[in-house]
Amino acid sequence: MASNKKKSKNPPSNPKPRENTVASKFAKMRLEVLSDALFSDGYEVAGIADNDISHDEFGFPVIRGKRIKGLIVEEVANLLFALSLHAVDLSEAAKSLCGESGALAGKLDQRSFRVPLADRAALIEARYSFDEIIEQYTTIRRQTAISAVLGTPKNGSLRAARTLKRGLVLETQIELTGMSKEELCLLHYAVAATRRGGANRTRGAGKIRLTLDGQTPDLTPLKGDRK
């Protein structure tokens, strides 16, 4: 006898959409100023500073991403040299991460460092003025040149520069999507090795601490391309 089962009128449930196999991954990078640092933009404010810093419309300091990326790229180059002494070649990973001058930009897309959002919101809600905000995070340093003959200040040599105050913490987000284990390792170690930035950093100024969220990939022993 034939079955008279009725077909269900309810449409079949829609299958769950497939998750993207290459999910975007972001990490927070922090910059802590350990000694007064000058990240000058090269312009002056008449009567206040001959070298001023970058800032937004509210007066919060900003460090352009390309400034910090340059420091990180420099440390990556130092790492490559140290690794080469142990017959390890990660030059292709470094090229992919940092890019090449006049060619590919590289996977490291460094964004500008800014004051944390919670701190910004608190001062804006408290109706701090532009001058009050910029003075909260910066200070004016003055210096002059001394005559080797007379031992007195040279005429017209007085300069004023706006520097970031010690203790200031800025942060940004960087994208790690598509980075290999070797590229992530180079990035983490280069970030940890970056300890000075801004003007006169080779003379001991601008001590900073860079940190990157996440665990450094385990490459012990480091498995690069042996020469």
N, C-alpha and C. Protein backbone atom coordinates (compact mmCIF):
# COMPACT_ATOMS: atom_id res chain seq x y z
N MET A 1 0.84 -1.20 0.00
CA MET A 1 0.00 0.00 0.00
C MET A 1 0.87 1.24 0.00
N ALA A 2 0.56 2.19 -0.89
CA ALA A 2 1.40 3.38 -1.03
C ALA A 2 1.27 4.29 0.18
N SER A 3 2.37 4.87 0.53
CA SER A 3 2.38 5.79 1.67
C SER A 3 1.77 7.11 1.26
N ASN A 4 0.90 7.67 2.17
CA ASN A 4 0.26 8.96 1.89
C ASN A 4 0.81 10.07 2.78
N LYS A 5 2.09 9.97 3.14
CA LYS A 5 2.70 11.00 3.99
C LYS A 5 2.73 12.34 3.27
N LYS A 6 2.29 13.36 3.98
CA LYS A 6 2.29 14.70 3.39
C LYS A 6 3.66 15.33 3.53
N LYS A 7 4.01 16.04 2.48
CA LYS A 7 5.28 16.75 2.53
C LYS A 7 5.15 17.98 3.41
N SER A 8 6.16 18.26 4.16
CA SER A 8 6.15 19.44 5.02
C SER A 8 6.13 20.70 4.18
N LYS A 9 5.25 21.63 4.56
CA LYS A 9 5.18 22.90 3.83
C LYS A 9 6.22 23.90 4.29
N ASN A 10 6.86 23.60 5.42
CA ASN A 10 7.89 24.52 5.92
C ASN A 10 9.14 24.43 5.06
N PRO A 11 9.63 25.57 4.59
CA PRO A 11 10.84 25.53 3.77
C PRO A 11 12.03 25.08 4.58
N PRO A 12 12.97 24.42 3.96
CA PRO A 12 14.17 23.98 4.71
C PRO A 12 14.91 25.18 5.26
N SER A 13 15.46 24.99 6.44
CA SER A 13 16.22 26.09 7.06
C SER A 13 17.43 26.43 6.22
N ASN A 14 17.72 27.74 6.14
CA ASN A 14 18.86 28.19 5.35
C ASN A 14 20.16 27.73 6.00
N PRO A 15 21.05 27.19 5.22
CA PRO A 15 22.34 26.77 5.79
C PRO A 15 23.13 27.97 6.28
N LYS A 16 23.92 27.74 7.34
CA LYS A 16 24.74 28.82 7.87
C LYS A 16 25.78 29.22 6.84
N PRO A 17 25.99 30.55 6.69
CA PRO A 17 27.00 30.98 5.72
C PRO A 17 28.39 30.54 6.14
N ARG A 18 29.20 30.22 5.19
CA ARG A 18 30.57 29.82 5.47
C ARG A 18 31.36 31.00 6.01
N GLU A 19 32.14 30.69 7.03
CA GLU A 19 32.98 31.74 7.58
C GLU A 19 34.18 31.96 6.66
N ASN A 20 34.56 33.21 6.58
CA ASN A 20 35.72 33.56 5.76
C ASN A 20 36.96 32.89 6.34
N THR A 21 37.62 32.15 5.52
CA THR A 21 38.79 31.41 6.01
C THR A 21 39.95 32.34 6.34
N VAL A 22 39.95 33.55 5.77
CA VAL A 22 41.02 34.51 6.05
C VAL A 22 40.39 35.67 6.80
N ALA A 23 40.22 35.51 8.11
CA ALA A 23 39.59 36.56 8.91
C ALA A 23 40.57 37.69 9.17
N SER A 24 40.04 38.91 9.20
CA SER A 24 40.89 40.05 9.49
C SER A 24 41.30 40.01 10.95
N LYS A 25 42.56 40.26 11.21
CA LYS A 25 43.06 40.24 12.57
C LYS A 25 43.82 41.53 12.84
N PHE A 26 43.42 42.20 13.91
CA PHE A 26 44.06 43.45 14.28
C PHE A 26 44.71 43.31 15.65
N ALA A 27 45.75 44.07 15.87
CA ALA A 27 46.43 44.09 17.16
C ALA A 27 46.69 45.54 17.55
N LYS A 28 46.68 45.78 18.85
CA LYS A 28 46.92 47.13 19.35
C LYS A 28 48.41 47.31 19.62
N MET A 29 48.95 48.43 19.12
CA MET A 29 50.34 48.78 19.39
C MET A 29 50.35 50.04 20.24
N ARG A 30 51.13 50.00 21.31
CA ARG A 30 51.22 51.14 22.22
C ARG A 30 52.61 51.75 22.19
N LEU A 31 52.64 53.06 22.36
CA LEU A 31 53.90 53.79 22.43
C LEU A 31 53.90 54.59 23.72
N GLU A 32 54.85 54.28 24.60
CA GLU A 32 54.98 55.00 25.86
C GLU A 32 56.22 55.89 25.79
N VAL A 33 56.05 57.16 26.11
CA VAL A 33 57.16 58.12 26.10
C VAL A 33 57.86 58.05 27.44
N LEU A 34 59.13 57.63 27.45
CA LEU A 34 59.89 57.47 28.69
C LEU A 34 60.75 58.68 29.01
N SER A 35 61.02 59.51 28.03
CA SER A 35 61.69 60.80 28.25
C SER A 35 61.16 61.76 27.20
N ASP A 36 61.16 63.04 27.51
CA ASP A 36 60.58 64.03 26.60
C ASP A 36 61.09 63.80 25.17
N ALA A 37 60.15 63.71 24.23
CA ALA A 37 60.51 63.36 22.85
C ALA A 37 59.95 64.38 21.88
N LEU A 38 60.72 64.69 20.85
CA LEU A 38 60.31 65.66 19.83
C LEU A 38 60.05 64.94 18.52
N PHE A 39 58.78 64.76 18.19
CA PHE A 39 58.38 64.23 16.89
C PHE A 39 57.84 65.42 16.09
N SER A 40 58.75 66.24 15.61
CA SER A 40 58.39 67.50 14.97
C SER A 40 57.83 67.27 13.57
N ASP A 41 56.90 68.16 13.19
CA ASP A 41 56.37 68.14 11.83
C ASP A 41 57.09 69.15 10.94
N GLY A 42 58.03 69.87 11.52
CA GLY A 42 58.83 70.79 10.72
C GLY A 42 58.23 72.16 10.52
N TYR A 43 57.16 72.49 11.21
CA TYR A 43 56.60 73.84 11.08
C TYR A 43 56.64 74.53 12.42
N GLU A 44 56.46 75.84 12.41
CA GLU A 44 56.56 76.62 13.63
C GLU A 44 55.27 77.37 13.93
N VAL A 45 55.09 77.71 15.20
CA VAL A 45 53.99 78.54 15.65
C VAL A 45 54.60 79.82 16.18
N ALA A 46 54.32 80.92 15.53
CA ALA A 46 54.97 82.20 15.85
C ALA A 46 54.82 82.54 17.33
N GLY A 47 55.95 82.82 17.95
CA GLY A 47 55.96 83.24 19.34
C GLY A 47 55.84 82.11 20.35
N ILE A 48 55.68 80.86 19.87
CA ILE A 48 55.52 79.74 20.79
C ILE A 48 56.59 78.68 20.57
N ALA A 49 56.68 78.14 19.35
CA ALA A 49 57.64 77.06 19.09
C ALA A 49 58.18 77.15 17.67
N ASP A 50 59.49 76.97 17.55
CA ASP A 50 60.11 76.92 16.23
C ASP A 50 59.90 75.55 15.59
N ASN A 51 59.77 74.51 16.41
CA ASN A 51 59.46 73.15 15.95
C ASN A 51 58.24 72.67 16.72
N ASP A 52 57.15 72.46 16.02
CA ASP A 52 55.92 72.02 16.68
C ASP A 52 55.61 70.58 16.31
N ILE A 53 54.77 69.94 17.11
CA ILE A 53 54.40 68.56 16.88
C ILE A 53 53.10 68.48 16.07
N SER A 54 52.78 67.27 15.62
CA SER A 54 51.49 67.05 14.97
C SER A 54 50.41 66.93 16.05
N HIS A 55 49.23 67.45 15.75
CA HIS A 55 48.11 67.35 16.68
C HIS A 55 46.81 67.41 15.89
N ASP A 56 45.73 66.97 16.52
CA ASP A 56 44.44 67.02 15.85
C ASP A 56 43.74 68.34 16.14
N GLU A 57 42.48 68.45 15.73
CA GLU A 57 41.77 69.73 15.87
C GLU A 57 41.46 70.09 17.32
N PHE A 58 41.54 69.11 18.23
CA PHE A 58 41.27 69.39 19.64
C PHE A 58 42.53 69.73 20.42
N GLY A 59 43.70 69.44 19.84
CA GLY A 59 44.96 69.68 20.53
C GLY A 59 45.64 68.43 21.03
N PHE A 60 45.05 67.25 20.77
CA PHE A 60 45.68 66.00 21.19
C PHE A 60 46.85 65.67 20.27
N PRO A 61 48.01 65.31 20.84
CA PRO A 61 49.18 65.00 20.00
C PRO A 61 48.97 63.77 19.14
N VAL A 62 49.59 63.78 17.97
CA VAL A 62 49.52 62.67 17.02
C VAL A 62 50.92 62.39 16.51
N ILE A 63 51.31 61.12 16.46
CA ILE A 63 52.57 60.74 15.83
C ILE A 63 52.23 60.00 14.55
N ARG A 64 52.70 60.51 13.42
CA ARG A 64 52.39 59.90 12.14
C ARG A 64 52.94 58.48 12.06
N GLY A 65 52.16 57.60 11.47
CA GLY A 65 52.54 56.21 11.41
C GLY A 65 53.85 55.96 10.68
N LYS A 66 54.11 56.76 9.64
CA LYS A 66 55.34 56.53 8.86
C LYS A 66 56.59 56.78 9.69
N ARG A 67 56.48 57.65 10.73
CA ARG A 67 57.63 57.89 11.59
C ARG A 67 58.01 56.62 12.36
N ILE A 68 57.00 55.97 12.91
CA ILE A 68 57.26 54.76 13.70
C ILE A 68 57.60 53.59 12.79
N LYS A 69 56.96 53.52 11.62
CA LYS A 69 57.29 52.44 10.69
C LYS A 69 58.76 52.52 10.29
N GLY A 70 59.28 53.72 10.09
CA GLY A 70 60.69 53.88 9.75
C GLY A 70 61.60 53.33 10.83
N LEU A 71 61.22 53.53 12.11
CA LEU A 71 62.02 53.00 13.21
C LEU A 71 61.97 51.48 13.24
N ILE A 72 60.77 50.92 12.98
CA ILE A 72 60.61 49.47 12.98
C ILE A 72 61.39 48.85 11.83
N VAL A 73 61.32 49.45 10.66
CA VAL A 73 62.06 48.94 9.50
C VAL A 73 63.56 48.94 9.78
N GLU A 74 64.03 49.97 10.45
CA GLU A 74 65.46 50.04 10.81
C GLU A 74 65.85 48.88 11.72
N GLU A 75 64.99 48.55 12.68
CA GLU A 75 65.29 47.45 13.58
C GLU A 75 65.18 46.10 12.87
N VAL A 76 64.27 45.98 11.90
CA VAL A 76 64.20 44.76 11.10
C VAL A 76 65.52 44.54 10.37
N ALA A 77 66.10 45.60 9.82
CA ALA A 77 67.39 45.50 9.14
C ALA A 77 68.48 45.04 10.10
N ASN A 78 68.44 45.55 11.33
CA ASN A 78 69.42 45.12 12.33
C ASN A 78 69.26 43.63 12.67
N LEU A 79 68.00 43.19 12.75
CA LEU A 79 67.73 41.78 13.02
C LEU A 79 68.24 40.89 11.89
N LEU A 80 68.03 41.32 10.65
CA LEU A 80 68.50 40.53 9.51
C LEU A 80 70.01 40.36 9.54
N PHE A 81 70.71 41.43 9.91
CA PHE A 81 72.17 41.35 9.99
C PHE A 81 72.59 40.37 11.08
N ALA A 82 71.93 40.45 12.25
CA ALA A 82 72.28 39.55 13.35
C ALA A 82 71.99 38.09 12.98
N LEU A 83 70.87 37.86 12.30
CA LEU A 83 70.51 36.50 11.89
C LEU A 83 71.47 35.95 10.84
N SER A 84 71.96 36.85 9.98
CA SER A 84 72.88 36.41 8.93
C SER A 84 74.17 35.86 9.51
N LEU A 85 74.54 36.33 10.69
CA LEU A 85 75.75 35.81 11.35
C LEU A 85 75.56 34.36 11.78
N HIS A 86 74.31 33.90 11.85
CA HIS A 86 74.01 32.52 12.22
C HIS A 86 73.46 31.74 11.03
N ALA A 87 73.76 32.24 9.84
CA ALA A 87 73.39 31.57 8.59
C ALA A 87 71.87 31.42 8.43
N VAL A 88 71.12 32.40 8.92
CA VAL A 88 69.66 32.39 8.77
C VAL A 88 69.26 33.57 7.89
N ASP A 89 68.51 33.28 6.84
CA ASP A 89 68.11 34.31 5.89
C ASP A 89 66.60 34.49 5.91
N LEU A 90 66.15 35.62 6.44
CA LEU A 90 64.73 35.97 6.45
C LEU A 90 64.48 37.23 5.62
N SER A 91 65.32 37.44 4.62
CA SER A 91 65.22 38.66 3.82
C SER A 91 63.91 38.73 3.04
N GLU A 92 63.41 37.58 2.58
CA GLU A 92 62.15 37.58 1.84
C GLU A 92 60.98 37.94 2.76
N ALA A 93 61.00 37.42 3.99
CA ALA A 93 59.96 37.77 4.96
C ALA A 93 60.02 39.26 5.30
N ALA A 94 61.23 39.79 5.44
CA ALA A 94 61.38 41.22 5.74
C ALA A 94 60.90 42.07 4.58
N LYS A 95 61.19 41.64 3.36
CA LYS A 95 60.76 42.38 2.18
C LYS A 95 59.23 42.41 2.09
N SER A 96 58.61 41.26 2.37
CA SER A 96 57.15 41.17 2.32
C SER A 96 56.51 42.00 3.43
N LEU A 97 57.15 42.05 4.60
CA LEU A 97 56.61 42.78 5.73
C LEU A 97 56.76 44.29 5.56
N CYS A 98 57.97 44.72 5.22
CA CYS A 98 58.29 46.16 5.21
C CYS A 98 58.17 46.81 3.85
N GLY A 99 58.20 45.98 2.78
CA GLY A 99 58.17 46.55 1.44
C GLY A 99 59.56 46.99 0.99
N GLU A 100 59.60 47.58 -0.20
CA GLU A 100 60.84 48.07 -0.76
C GLU A 100 60.65 49.50 -1.24
N SER A 101 61.68 50.27 -1.14
CA SER A 101 61.59 51.66 -1.59
C SER A 101 61.29 51.72 -3.08
N GLY A 102 60.22 52.43 -3.43
CA GLY A 102 59.83 52.58 -4.83
C GLY A 102 59.13 51.39 -5.41
N ALA A 103 58.84 50.38 -4.55
CA ALA A 103 58.16 49.17 -5.04
C ALA A 103 56.95 48.89 -4.16
N LEU A 104 56.80 47.65 -3.71
CA LEU A 104 55.66 47.29 -2.88
C LEU A 104 55.73 47.97 -1.52
N ALA A 105 54.55 48.30 -0.97
CA ALA A 105 54.50 48.99 0.31
C ALA A 105 54.73 48.05 1.48
N GLY A 106 54.48 46.76 1.31
CA GLY A 106 54.64 45.81 2.39
C GLY A 106 53.36 45.62 3.18
N LYS A 107 53.32 44.55 3.97
CA LYS A 107 52.12 44.23 4.74
C LYS A 107 51.96 45.11 5.97
N LEU A 108 53.03 45.71 6.46
CA LEU A 108 52.97 46.54 7.66
C LEU A 108 52.37 47.89 7.30
N ASP A 109 51.10 48.05 7.60
CA ASP A 109 50.39 49.30 7.32
C ASP A 109 50.28 50.07 8.63
N GLN A 110 51.25 50.94 8.87
CA GLN A 110 51.33 51.64 10.15
C GLN A 110 50.43 52.87 10.16
N ARG A 111 49.49 52.89 11.09
CA ARG A 111 48.59 54.02 11.25
C ARG A 111 49.11 54.97 12.31
N SER A 112 48.54 56.17 12.36
CA SER A 112 49.01 57.18 13.31
C SER A 112 48.71 56.79 14.74
N PHE A 113 49.60 57.17 15.65
CA PHE A 113 49.42 56.93 17.07
C PHE A 113 48.68 58.12 17.68
N ARG A 114 47.65 57.80 18.50
CA ARG A 114 46.81 58.84 19.09
C ARG A 114 46.58 58.55 20.58
N VAL A 115 46.12 59.58 21.28
CA VAL A 115 45.75 59.43 22.69
C VAL A 115 44.57 58.45 22.77
N PRO A 116 44.57 57.53 23.74
CA PRO A 116 43.46 56.57 23.87
C PRO A 116 42.10 57.26 23.89
N LEU A 117 41.12 56.58 23.29
CA LEU A 117 39.79 57.16 23.10
C LEU A 117 39.15 57.59 24.42
N ALA A 118 39.30 56.79 25.47
CA ALA A 118 38.68 57.13 26.76
C ALA A 118 39.24 58.44 27.32
N ASP A 119 40.55 58.65 27.19
CA ASP A 119 41.16 59.89 27.67
C ASP A 119 40.71 61.08 26.84
N ARG A 120 40.60 60.87 25.53
CA ARG A 120 40.13 61.95 24.66
C ARG A 120 38.70 62.36 25.02
N ALA A 121 37.85 61.37 25.20
CA ALA A 121 36.45 61.64 25.50
C ALA A 121 36.29 62.39 26.81
N ALA A 122 37.10 62.02 27.82
CA ALA A 122 37.00 62.65 29.14
C ALA A 122 37.32 64.14 29.06
N LEU A 123 38.37 64.51 28.34
CA LEU A 123 38.76 65.92 28.26
C LEU A 123 37.80 66.72 27.39
N ILE A 124 37.32 66.10 26.33
CA ILE A 124 36.37 66.80 25.46
C ILE A 124 35.06 67.05 26.20
N GLU A 125 34.57 66.05 26.94
CA GLU A 125 33.33 66.22 27.70
C GLU A 125 33.50 67.25 28.81
N ALA A 126 34.72 67.37 29.35
CA ALA A 126 34.98 68.37 30.38
C ALA A 126 35.19 69.76 29.79
N ARG A 127 35.06 69.86 28.48
CA ARG A 127 35.17 71.14 27.76
C ARG A 127 36.54 71.80 27.94
N TYR A 128 37.58 70.99 27.88
CA TYR A 128 38.93 71.56 27.89
C TYR A 128 39.15 72.29 26.57
N SER A 129 39.87 73.41 26.64
CA SER A 129 40.17 74.17 25.42
C SER A 129 41.34 73.54 24.68
N PHE A 130 41.58 74.00 23.46
CA PHE A 130 42.70 73.51 22.66
C PHE A 130 44.01 73.69 23.42
N ASP A 131 44.24 74.89 23.97
CA ASP A 131 45.49 75.17 24.67
C ASP A 131 45.64 74.30 25.92
N GLU A 132 44.54 74.07 26.64
CA GLU A 132 44.60 73.25 27.85
C GLU A 132 44.95 71.80 27.51
N ILE A 133 44.39 71.32 26.40
CA ILE A 133 44.65 69.93 26.02
C ILE A 133 46.09 69.74 25.57
N ILE A 134 46.58 70.63 24.72
CA ILE A 134 47.94 70.46 24.21
C ILE A 134 48.97 70.65 25.31
N GLU A 135 48.68 71.51 26.30
CA GLU A 135 49.59 71.70 27.42
C GLU A 135 49.54 70.51 28.39
N GLN A 136 48.46 69.75 28.34
CA GLN A 136 48.33 68.57 29.18
C GLN A 136 49.34 67.49 28.79
N TYR A 137 49.67 67.44 27.50
CA TYR A 137 50.50 66.35 26.98
C TYR A 137 51.88 66.80 26.49
N THR A 138 52.11 68.09 26.38
CA THR A 138 53.37 68.56 25.82
C THR A 138 53.99 69.65 26.68
N THR A 139 55.24 69.95 26.40
CA THR A 139 55.93 71.04 27.08
C THR A 139 56.86 71.72 26.08
N ILE A 140 57.25 72.95 26.37
CA ILE A 140 58.15 73.70 25.49
C ILE A 140 59.57 73.63 26.04
N ARG A 141 60.49 73.16 25.22
CA ARG A 141 61.90 73.11 25.59
C ARG A 141 62.66 74.16 24.79
N ARG A 142 63.53 74.89 25.47
CA ARG A 142 64.33 75.93 24.81
C ARG A 142 65.80 75.61 24.92
N GLN A 143 66.53 75.91 23.87
CA GLN A 143 67.98 75.69 23.87
C GLN A 143 68.65 76.75 23.01
N THR A 144 69.92 76.94 23.27
CA THR A 144 70.68 77.94 22.53
C THR A 144 72.09 77.42 22.26
N ALA A 145 72.75 77.99 21.30
CA ALA A 145 74.13 77.61 20.98
C ALA A 145 75.09 78.52 21.74
N ILE A 146 76.18 77.94 22.20
CA ILE A 146 77.17 78.69 22.97
C ILE A 146 78.40 78.95 22.11
N SER A 147 78.88 80.17 22.14
CA SER A 147 80.07 80.53 21.40
C SER A 147 81.30 79.86 22.01
N ALA A 148 82.08 79.17 21.16
CA ALA A 148 83.28 78.48 21.65
C ALA A 148 84.36 79.47 22.07
N VAL A 149 84.29 80.69 21.54
CA VAL A 149 85.31 81.70 21.84
C VAL A 149 84.95 82.49 23.10
N LEU A 150 83.70 82.99 23.15
CA LEU A 150 83.28 83.85 24.25
C LEU A 150 82.65 83.08 25.40
N GLY A 151 82.16 81.90 25.11
CA GLY A 151 81.49 81.14 26.16
C GLY A 151 80.13 81.69 26.52
N THR A 152 79.55 82.48 25.63
CA THR A 152 78.23 83.07 25.85
C THR A 152 77.29 82.62 24.73
N PRO A 153 75.98 82.76 24.94
CA PRO A 153 75.03 82.36 23.89
C PRO A 153 75.23 83.16 22.61
N LYS A 154 75.16 82.48 21.47
CA LYS A 154 75.27 83.16 20.19
C LYS A 154 74.01 83.94 19.91
N ASN A 155 74.17 85.10 19.28
CA ASN A 155 73.03 85.92 18.95
C ASN A 155 72.10 85.20 17.97
N GLY A 156 70.81 85.24 18.27
CA GLY A 156 69.82 84.66 17.37
C GLY A 156 69.77 83.14 17.37
N SER A 157 70.42 82.49 18.33
CA SER A 157 70.48 81.03 18.33
C SER A 157 69.42 80.37 19.22
N LEU A 158 68.63 81.17 19.94
CA LEU A 158 67.63 80.61 20.83
C LEU A 158 66.52 79.93 20.02
N ARG A 159 66.23 78.68 20.34
CA ARG A 159 65.20 77.91 19.66
C ARG A 159 64.27 77.27 20.70
N ALA A 160 62.99 77.20 20.32
CA ALA A 160 61.99 76.57 21.19
C ALA A 160 61.34 75.43 20.43
N ALA A 161 61.18 74.30 21.11
CA ALA A 161 60.57 73.12 20.48
C ALA A 161 59.53 72.54 21.43
N ARG A 162 58.41 72.10 20.86
CA ARG A 162 57.38 71.44 21.67
C ARG A 162 57.66 69.94 21.71
N THR A 163 57.76 69.40 22.90
CA THR A 163 58.07 67.98 23.06
C THR A 163 56.92 67.26 23.77
N LEU A 164 56.83 65.96 23.55
CA LEU A 164 55.86 65.14 24.25
C LEU A 164 56.35 64.87 25.66
N LYS A 165 55.46 64.97 26.63
CA LYS A 165 55.85 64.77 28.02
C LYS A 165 56.12 63.31 28.33
N ARG A 166 57.05 63.11 29.23
CA ARG A 166 57.33 61.76 29.72
C ARG A 166 56.10 61.18 30.39
N GLY A 167 55.81 59.90 30.11
CA GLY A 167 54.65 59.24 30.68
C GLY A 167 53.45 59.17 29.76
N LEU A 168 53.49 59.92 28.67
CA LEU A 168 52.39 59.90 27.71
C LEU A 168 52.33 58.54 27.02
N VAL A 169 51.10 58.02 26.85
CA VAL A 169 50.88 56.75 26.16
C VAL A 169 49.97 57.00 24.97
N LEU A 170 50.42 56.61 23.79
CA LEU A 170 49.64 56.70 22.56
C LEU A 170 49.44 55.29 22.03
N GLU A 171 48.42 55.11 21.20
CA GLU A 171 48.15 53.77 20.68
C GLU A 171 47.58 53.83 19.28
N THR A 172 47.64 52.68 18.61
CA THR A 172 47.11 52.54 17.27
C THR A 172 46.72 51.09 17.04
N GLN A 173 46.07 50.83 15.91
CA GLN A 173 45.71 49.47 15.51
C GLN A 173 46.47 49.12 14.24
N ILE A 174 47.04 47.93 14.18
CA ILE A 174 47.68 47.48 12.96
C ILE A 174 47.06 46.16 12.53
N GLU A 175 47.01 45.93 11.25
CA GLU A 175 46.40 44.71 10.71
C GLU A 175 47.46 43.64 10.50
N LEU A 176 47.18 42.44 11.01
CA LEU A 176 48.11 41.32 10.90
C LEU A 176 47.65 40.28 9.88
N THR A 177 46.55 40.56 9.20
CA THR A 177 45.99 39.60 8.25
C THR A 177 47.01 39.19 7.20
N GLY A 178 47.15 37.88 7.00
CA GLY A 178 48.02 37.39 5.94
C GLY A 178 49.49 37.34 6.26
N MET A 179 49.88 37.73 7.48
CA MET A 179 51.30 37.70 7.83
C MET A 179 51.72 36.27 8.18
N SER A 180 52.87 35.88 7.69
CA SER A 180 53.41 34.55 7.99
C SER A 180 54.02 34.54 9.39
N LYS A 181 54.37 33.32 9.84
CA LYS A 181 54.99 33.18 11.15
C LYS A 181 56.31 33.95 11.22
N GLU A 182 57.09 33.88 10.15
CA GLU A 182 58.38 34.58 10.12
C GLU A 182 58.19 36.10 10.14
N GLU A 183 57.18 36.58 9.40
CA GLU A 183 56.92 38.02 9.36
C GLU A 183 56.46 38.54 10.72
N LEU A 184 55.58 37.77 11.39
CA LEU A 184 55.11 38.16 12.72
C LEU A 184 56.25 38.17 13.73
N CYS A 185 57.14 37.20 13.61
CA CYS A 185 58.28 37.14 14.52
C CYS A 185 59.18 38.35 14.34
N LEU A 186 59.49 38.69 13.09
CA LEU A 186 60.30 39.87 12.82
C LEU A 186 59.64 41.13 13.36
N LEU A 187 58.32 41.24 13.17
CA LEU A 187 57.59 42.42 13.64
C LEU A 187 57.65 42.54 15.15
N HIS A 188 57.37 41.44 15.87
CA HIS A 188 57.37 41.48 17.33
C HIS A 188 58.75 41.86 17.88
N TYR A 189 59.80 41.25 17.35
CA TYR A 189 61.14 41.54 17.86
C TYR A 189 61.61 42.95 17.48
N ALA A 190 61.24 43.42 16.29
CA ALA A 190 61.62 44.77 15.88
C ALA A 190 60.91 45.82 16.73
N VAL A 191 59.65 45.55 17.07
CA VAL A 191 58.90 46.46 17.94
C VAL A 191 59.57 46.52 19.32
N ALA A 192 59.93 45.36 19.86
CA ALA A 192 60.57 45.32 21.18
C ALA A 192 61.93 46.02 21.18
N ALA A 193 62.61 46.01 20.03
CA ALA A 193 63.95 46.60 19.94
C ALA A 193 63.92 48.10 19.69
N THR A 194 62.76 48.66 19.36
CA THR A 194 62.64 50.09 19.09
C THR A 194 62.58 50.84 20.42
N ARG A 195 63.60 51.61 20.72
CA ARG A 195 63.70 52.22 22.04
C ARG A 195 63.87 53.74 22.02
N ARG A 196 64.11 54.31 20.86
CA ARG A 196 64.22 55.77 20.77
C ARG A 196 63.60 56.26 19.47
N GLY A 197 63.09 57.49 19.51
CA GLY A 197 62.48 58.05 18.31
C GLY A 197 62.44 59.57 18.38
N GLY A 198 62.18 60.19 17.24
CA GLY A 198 62.12 61.65 17.18
C GLY A 198 63.47 62.28 16.99
N ALA A 199 63.50 63.61 17.08
CA ALA A 199 64.73 64.37 16.88
C ALA A 199 65.74 64.10 18.00
N ASN A 200 67.01 64.11 17.63
CA ASN A 200 68.13 63.94 18.57
C ASN A 200 68.12 62.58 19.27
N ARG A 201 67.48 61.58 18.65
CA ARG A 201 67.45 60.27 19.29
C ARG A 201 68.84 59.63 19.33
N THR A 202 69.71 60.00 18.39
CA THR A 202 71.06 59.46 18.41
C THR A 202 71.92 60.12 19.48
N ARG A 203 71.38 61.18 20.11
CA ARG A 203 72.11 61.87 21.18
C ARG A 203 71.50 61.57 22.54
N GLY A 204 70.65 60.56 22.60
CA GLY A 204 70.10 60.14 23.88
C GLY A 204 68.70 60.63 24.18
N ALA A 205 68.12 61.45 23.30
CA ALA A 205 66.77 61.97 23.54
C ALA A 205 65.72 61.01 23.00
N GLY A 206 64.46 61.26 23.38
CA GLY A 206 63.34 60.51 22.81
C GLY A 206 63.31 59.04 23.16
N LYS A 207 63.47 58.71 24.44
CA LYS A 207 63.41 57.31 24.84
C LYS A 207 61.94 56.87 24.86
N ILE A 208 61.63 55.77 24.18
CA ILE A 208 60.25 55.29 24.09
C ILE A 208 60.21 53.79 24.34
N ARG A 209 58.98 53.28 24.56
CA ARG A 209 58.76 51.84 24.67
C ARG A 209 57.60 51.47 23.76
N LEU A 210 57.86 50.58 22.80
CA LEU A 210 56.82 50.09 21.90
C LEU A 210 56.41 48.70 22.33
N THR A 211 55.12 48.44 22.36
CA THR A 211 54.62 47.11 22.68
C THR A 211 53.52 46.74 21.70
N LEU A 212 53.44 45.46 21.40
CA LEU A 212 52.44 44.94 20.47
C LEU A 212 51.67 43.81 21.13
N ASP A 213 50.35 43.91 21.13
CA ASP A 213 49.53 42.86 21.73
C ASP A 213 49.75 41.53 21.03
N GLY A 214 49.55 40.47 21.76
CA GLY A 214 49.69 39.14 21.18
C GLY A 214 51.00 38.49 21.57
N GLN A 215 51.05 37.18 21.39
CA GLN A 215 52.23 36.40 21.76
C GLN A 215 53.19 36.30 20.59
N THR A 216 54.45 36.48 20.88
CA THR A 216 55.46 36.35 19.84
C THR A 216 55.52 34.91 19.34
N PRO A 217 55.44 34.70 18.03
CA PRO A 217 55.49 33.33 17.49
C PRO A 217 56.75 32.60 17.93
N ASP A 218 56.61 31.32 18.21
CA ASP A 218 57.73 30.50 18.67
C ASP A 218 58.55 30.05 17.47
N LEU A 219 59.72 30.61 17.34
CA LEU A 219 60.62 30.21 16.26
C LEU A 219 61.96 29.79 16.87
N THR A 220 61.91 28.89 17.81
CA THR A 220 63.11 28.38 18.47
C THR A 220 63.27 26.89 18.22
N PRO A 221 64.18 26.43 17.41
CA PRO A 221 65.15 27.27 16.71
C PRO A 221 64.51 27.99 15.54
N LEU A 222 65.01 29.15 15.21
CA LEU A 222 64.45 29.93 14.12
C LEU A 222 64.65 29.20 12.81
N LYS A 223 63.56 28.96 12.09
CA LYS A 223 63.61 28.18 10.86
C LYS A 223 63.51 29.09 9.66
N GLY A 224 64.61 29.74 9.33
CA GLY A 224 64.63 30.55 8.13
C GLY A 224 65.26 29.76 7.00
N ASP A 225 65.49 30.42 5.90
CA ASP A 225 66.15 29.77 4.77
C ASP A 225 67.65 29.79 5.01
N ARG A 226 68.21 28.63 5.25
CA ARG A 226 69.66 28.55 5.50
C ARG A 226 70.43 28.91 4.25
N LYS A 227 71.47 29.69 4.47
CA LYS A 227 72.31 30.07 3.34
C LYS A 227 73.20 28.90 2.92
